[in-house]
Amino acid sequence: MFRKAERRQAKLRLALCGPAGSGKTYSALLVAQGLAPGGRVALIDTERRSGELYADLMDYDVSPLDPPFTPSRYVELIREAEASGYDVLIIDSLSHAWMGEGGVLEMHDKATAASLSGNSFAAWREVTPAHNRLVNTLL
């Protein structure tokens, strides 16, 4: 059934890309301050506590995330941030969920090795749902 379109509050999903040391974390924190002046900011830190380097410059909360970097652990922290009422959530870095220890690629390798056929294509059947849950949680 159709209904009249209404403008609703949308949430920004922003990815910052750049080489190590290019200022992605600092820039993300500045963007967070601009998006929610005086609001609560949370940062998921997979970068060996480097997310706390700017604690003297601005106010934010951090949750260190150590290996394994499974998609389900990211989902858990994202939901925790949402339930805690944070205005902005920074994930530094999401790359580990794909290619880090315990991430999707490692999960795929393990699923391939555990299969009787050794079919790596079929192993994606085991891994894709976890990855999709993470993507859907982000959306």
Protein backbone atom coordinates (compact mmCIF):
# COMPACT_ATOMS: atom_id res chain seq x y z
CA MET A 1 0.00 0.00 0.00
CA PHE A 2 1.29 3.47 -0.87
CA ARG A 3 1.36 6.39 1.54
CA LYS A 4 2.36 10.02 1.27
CA ALA A 5 6.13 10.41 1.41
CA GLU A 6 7.40 12.12 4.55
CA ARG A 7 10.86 13.41 5.28
CA ARG A 8 12.21 11.47 8.24
CA GLN A 9 15.32 11.81 10.28
CA ALA A 10 18.09 9.97 8.49
CA LYS A 11 21.33 8.74 9.98
CA LEU A 12 24.61 9.40 8.23
CA ARG A 13 26.76 6.42 7.33
CA LEU A 14 30.20 7.69 6.41
CA ALA A 15 33.39 5.84 5.55
CA LEU A 16 36.75 7.57 5.78
CA CYS A 17 39.54 6.00 3.76
CA GLY A 18 43.23 6.74 3.74
CA PRO A 19 46.64 5.33 4.54
CA ALA A 20 47.83 4.76 8.10
CA GLY A 21 48.55 8.02 9.86
CA SER A 22 46.48 10.14 7.46
CA GLY A 23 44.13 11.38 10.18
CA LYS A 24 41.07 9.17 9.73
CA THR A 25 40.37 8.76 13.45
CA TYR A 26 40.91 12.44 14.22
CA SER A 27 38.75 13.44 11.26
CA ALA A 28 36.00 11.04 12.35
CA LEU A 29 36.01 12.59 15.81
CA LEU A 30 35.78 16.10 14.34
CA VAL A 31 32.88 15.02 12.11
CA ALA A 32 31.19 13.48 15.17
CA GLN A 33 31.49 16.77 17.04
CA GLY A 34 29.98 18.59 14.09
CA LEU A 35 27.11 16.13 13.74
CA ALA A 36 26.20 16.15 17.42
CA PRO A 37 27.56 19.22 19.21
CA GLY A 38 27.54 18.36 22.89
CA GLY A 39 26.26 14.87 22.07
CA ARG A 40 27.63 11.55 23.22
CA VAL A 41 30.21 9.91 20.96
CA ALA A 42 31.33 6.28 21.13
CA LEU A 43 34.32 4.77 19.37
CA ILE A 44 34.92 1.06 18.74
CA ASP A 45 38.72 0.76 18.69
CA THR A 46 40.33 -2.19 16.89
CA GLU A 47 43.60 -0.32 16.42
CA ARG A 48 45.43 -1.33 19.61
CA ARG A 49 44.07 1.54 21.71
CA SER A 50 45.06 4.26 19.23
CA GLY A 51 41.47 5.51 19.42
CA GLU A 52 42.31 7.10 22.76
CA LEU A 53 45.07 9.31 21.36
CA TYR A 54 42.69 12.26 21.14
CA ALA A 55 41.09 11.92 24.59
CA ASP A 56 42.70 15.20 25.68
CA LEU A 57 41.17 17.08 22.73
CA MET A 58 37.53 16.01 22.96
CA ASP A 59 35.10 14.02 25.08
CA TYR A 60 34.15 10.53 23.87
CA ASP A 61 33.84 6.97 25.14
CA VAL A 62 35.84 4.07 23.76
CA SER A 63 35.37 0.32 23.66
CA PRO A 64 38.52 -1.61 22.72
CA LEU A 65 37.86 -4.57 20.43
CA ASP A 66 40.61 -7.17 20.35
CA PRO A 67 40.77 -10.30 18.18
CA PRO A 68 38.89 -12.26 17.12
CA PHE A 69 37.24 -9.63 14.93
CA THR A 70 34.15 -11.67 14.10
CA PRO A 71 31.18 -9.84 12.59
CA SER A 72 29.06 -10.89 15.58
CA ARG A 73 31.37 -9.05 18.00
CA TYR A 74 30.97 -5.87 15.96
CA VAL A 75 27.19 -6.33 15.92
CA GLU A 76 27.18 -6.75 19.71
CA LEU A 77 29.09 -3.49 20.26
CA ILE A 78 27.00 -1.56 17.73
CA ARG A 79 23.81 -2.66 19.48
CA GLU A 80 25.32 -1.81 22.87
CA ALA A 81 26.14 1.71 21.64
CA GLU A 82 22.62 2.10 20.29
CA ALA A 83 21.04 0.88 23.53
CA SER A 84 23.27 3.24 25.53
CA GLY A 85 21.93 6.24 23.62
CA TYR A 86 25.08 7.44 21.88
CA ASP A 87 24.46 10.13 19.28
CA VAL A 88 27.41 9.10 17.09
CA LEU A 89 29.27 5.81 16.75
CA ILE A 90 32.71 5.61 15.15
CA ILE A 91 34.07 2.21 14.16
CA ASP A 92 37.85 2.31 13.87
CA SER A 93 38.35 0.09 11.94
CA LEU A 94 35.76 -2.01 10.13
CA SER A 95 38.45 -3.58 7.91
CA HIS A 96 39.26 -6.12 10.60
CA ALA A 97 35.76 -7.62 10.32
CA TRP A 98 36.65 -8.62 6.76
CA MET A 99 40.35 -9.40 6.75
CA GLY A 100 41.46 -9.38 10.38
CA GLU A 101 42.01 -12.26 12.75
CA GLY A 102 38.65 -14.01 13.09
CA GLY A 103 37.17 -11.89 10.31
CA VAL A 104 35.11 -13.04 7.35
CA LEU A 105 38.05 -14.19 5.22
CA GLU A 106 39.47 -16.29 8.05
CA MET A 107 36.00 -17.68 8.79
CA HIS A 108 35.74 -18.62 5.10
CA ASP A 109 39.13 -20.35 5.13
CA LYS A 110 38.10 -22.38 8.18
CA ALA A 111 34.74 -23.30 6.64
CA THR A 112 36.51 -24.41 3.45
CA ALA A 113 38.99 -26.54 5.39
CA ALA A 114 36.20 -28.11 7.46
CA SER A 115 34.08 -29.06 4.45
CA LEU A 116 34.29 -32.56 3.03
CA SER A 117 34.48 -31.24 -0.52
CA GLY A 118 36.97 -28.45 0.14
CA ASN A 119 34.81 -26.30 -2.11
CA SER A 120 35.65 -22.70 -1.23
CA PHE A 121 32.66 -21.35 -3.14
CA ALA A 122 30.25 -23.45 -1.06
CA ALA A 123 31.99 -22.29 2.12
CA TRP A 124 30.58 -18.81 1.58
CA ARG A 125 27.21 -20.28 2.54
CA GLU A 126 28.57 -20.63 6.09
CA VAL A 127 30.06 -17.14 6.29
CA THR A 128 27.72 -14.85 4.35
CA PRO A 129 24.91 -14.75 6.95
CA ALA A 130 27.26 -13.36 9.63
CA HIS A 131 28.58 -10.75 7.22
CA ASN A 132 25.06 -9.81 6.15
CA ARG A 133 23.99 -9.38 9.79
CA LEU A 134 26.84 -6.91 10.28
CA VAL A 135 25.96 -4.97 7.13
CA ASN A 136 22.27 -4.86 8.08
CA THR A 137 23.14 -3.69 11.60
CA LEU A 138 25.17 -0.85 10.11
CA LEU A 139 22.27 0.16 7.89
